[in-house]
């Protein structure tokens, strides 16, 4: 499986495995179904929600590596 990067779209990551949704929610990203989630990169979404993109990417990659 490819590594998650901060340039990937939120919707793209969710489409890979919807079970990652709680990781976004933990970071304060509660609008996963909004149109922005389909167009925003992880980095842009984290900036809007004042979350650390590196922390999110690390958690996402750990999740996918554990599968």
C-alpha atoms as a PDB file:
ATOM      1  CA  UNK A   1       0.000   0.000   0.000  1.00  0.00           C
ATOM      2  CA  UNK A   2       1.222   3.480  -0.783  1.00  0.00           C
ATOM      3  CA  UNK A   3       2.227   5.825   2.002  1.00  0.00           C
ATOM      4  CA  UNK A   4      -0.172   8.569   2.984  1.00  0.00           C
ATOM      5  CA  UNK A   5       1.220  12.038   2.281  1.00  0.00           C
ATOM      6  CA  UNK A   6       0.000  15.482   3.249  1.00  0.00           C
ATOM      7  CA  UNK A   7      -0.743  16.219  -0.411  1.00  0.00           C
ATOM      8  CA  UNK A   8      -3.408  13.508  -0.633  1.00  0.00           C
ATOM      9  CA  UNK A   9      -7.059  14.545  -0.555  1.00  0.00           C
ATOM     10  CA  UNK A  10      -9.122  13.878   2.567  1.00  0.00           C
ATOM     11  CA  UNK A  11     -11.767  12.141   0.450  1.00  0.00           C
ATOM     12  CA  UNK A  12      -9.108  10.011  -1.249  1.00  0.00           C
ATOM     13  CA  UNK A  13      -7.853   8.707   2.101  1.00  0.00           C
ATOM     14  CA  UNK A  14     -11.392   8.052   3.346  1.00  0.00           C
ATOM     15  CA  UNK A  15     -12.173   6.154   0.137  1.00  0.00           C
ATOM     16  CA  UNK A  16      -9.178   3.902   0.783  1.00  0.00           C
ATOM     17  CA  UNK A  17     -10.603   2.831   4.150  1.00  0.00           C
ATOM     18  CA  UNK A  18     -13.530   4.491   5.900  1.00  0.00           C
ATOM     19  CA  UNK A  19     -12.356   3.102   9.231  1.00  0.00           C
ATOM     20  CA  UNK A  20      -9.850   5.985   9.394  1.00  0.00           C
ATOM     21  CA  UNK A  21     -12.691   8.453  10.049  1.00  0.00           C
ATOM     22  CA  UNK A  22     -12.132   8.406  13.849  1.00  0.00           C
ATOM     23  CA  UNK A  23      -8.548   9.564  13.297  1.00  0.00           C
ATOM     24  CA  UNK A  24      -9.868  12.666  11.547  1.00  0.00           C
ATOM     25  CA  UNK A  25     -12.485  13.199  14.243  1.00  0.00           C
ATOM     26  CA  UNK A  26      -9.798  13.017  16.964  1.00  0.00           C
ATOM     27  CA  UNK A  27      -8.014  15.873  15.192  1.00  0.00           C
ATOM     28  CA  UNK A  28     -11.153  18.034  15.237  1.00  0.00           C
ATOM     29  CA  UNK A  29     -12.210  17.387  11.654  1.00  0.00           C
ATOM     30  CA  UNK A  30     -15.929  16.724  12.005  1.00  0.00           C
ATOM     31  CA  UNK A  31     -17.078  17.633   8.486  1.00  0.00           C
ATOM     32  CA  UNK A  32     -15.861  14.567   6.622  1.00  0.00           C
ATOM     33  CA  UNK A  33     -18.959  14.471   4.443  1.00  0.00           C
ATOM     34  CA  UNK A  34     -18.746  18.086   3.320  1.00  0.00           C
ATOM     35  CA  UNK A  35     -17.748  18.905  -0.277  1.00  0.00           C
ATOM     36  CA  UNK A  36     -14.474  20.378   0.964  1.00  0.00           C
ATOM     37  CA  UNK A  37     -13.344  16.935   2.098  1.00  0.00           C
ATOM     38  CA  UNK A  38     -13.375  15.847  -1.534  1.00  0.00           C
ATOM     39  CA  UNK A  39     -11.242  18.775  -2.691  1.00  0.00           C
ATOM     40  CA  UNK A  40      -8.921  19.575   0.210  1.00  0.00           C
ATOM     41  CA  UNK A  41      -5.551  18.007   0.798  1.00  0.00           C
ATOM     42  CA  UNK A  42      -4.735  16.734   4.257  1.00  0.00           C
ATOM     43  CA  UNK A  43      -2.432  19.713   4.672  1.00  0.00           C
ATOM     44  CA  UNK A  44      -5.120  22.256   3.734  1.00  0.00           C
ATOM     45  CA  UNK A  45      -7.726  20.584   5.947  1.00  0.00           C
ATOM     46  CA  UNK A  46      -5.353  20.534   8.905  1.00  0.00           C
ATOM     47  CA  UNK A  47      -4.536  24.195   8.387  1.00  0.00           C
ATOM     48  CA  UNK A  48      -8.255  25.104   8.400  1.00  0.00           C
ATOM     49  CA  UNK A  49      -8.864  23.025  11.546  1.00  0.00           C
ATOM     50  CA  UNK A  50      -5.629  24.125  13.257  1.00  0.00           C
ATOM     51  CA  UNK A  51      -4.401  20.541  13.449  1.00  0.00           C
ATOM     52  CA  UNK A  52      -0.890  19.210  12.940  1.00  0.00           C
ATOM     53  CA  UNK A  53      -0.702  17.561   9.514  1.00  0.00           C
ATOM     54  CA  UNK A  54       2.431  15.594  10.377  1.00  0.00           C
ATOM     55  CA  UNK A  55       0.655  14.013  13.363  1.00  0.00           C
ATOM     56  CA  UNK A  56      -2.331  13.078  11.202  1.00  0.00           C
ATOM     57  CA  UNK A  57      -0.167  11.593   8.434  1.00  0.00           C
ATOM     58  CA  UNK A  58       1.763   9.578  11.019  1.00  0.00           C
ATOM     59  CA  UNK A  59      -1.469   8.204  12.539  1.00  0.00           C
ATOM     60  CA  UNK A  60      -2.899   7.370   9.119  1.00  0.00           C
ATOM     61  CA  UNK A  61       0.236   5.556   7.994  1.00  0.00           C
ATOM     62  CA  UNK A  62       0.348   3.594  11.264  1.00  0.00           C
ATOM     63  CA  UNK A  63      -3.275   2.596  10.714  1.00  0.00           C
ATOM     64  CA  UNK A  64      -2.635   1.357   7.176  1.00  0.00           C
ATOM     65  CA  UNK A  65       0.583  -0.431   8.141  1.00  0.00           C
ATOM     66  CA  UNK A  66      -1.345  -2.320  10.817  1.00  0.00           C
ATOM     67  CA  UNK A  67      -3.815  -3.747   8.291  1.00  0.00           C
END
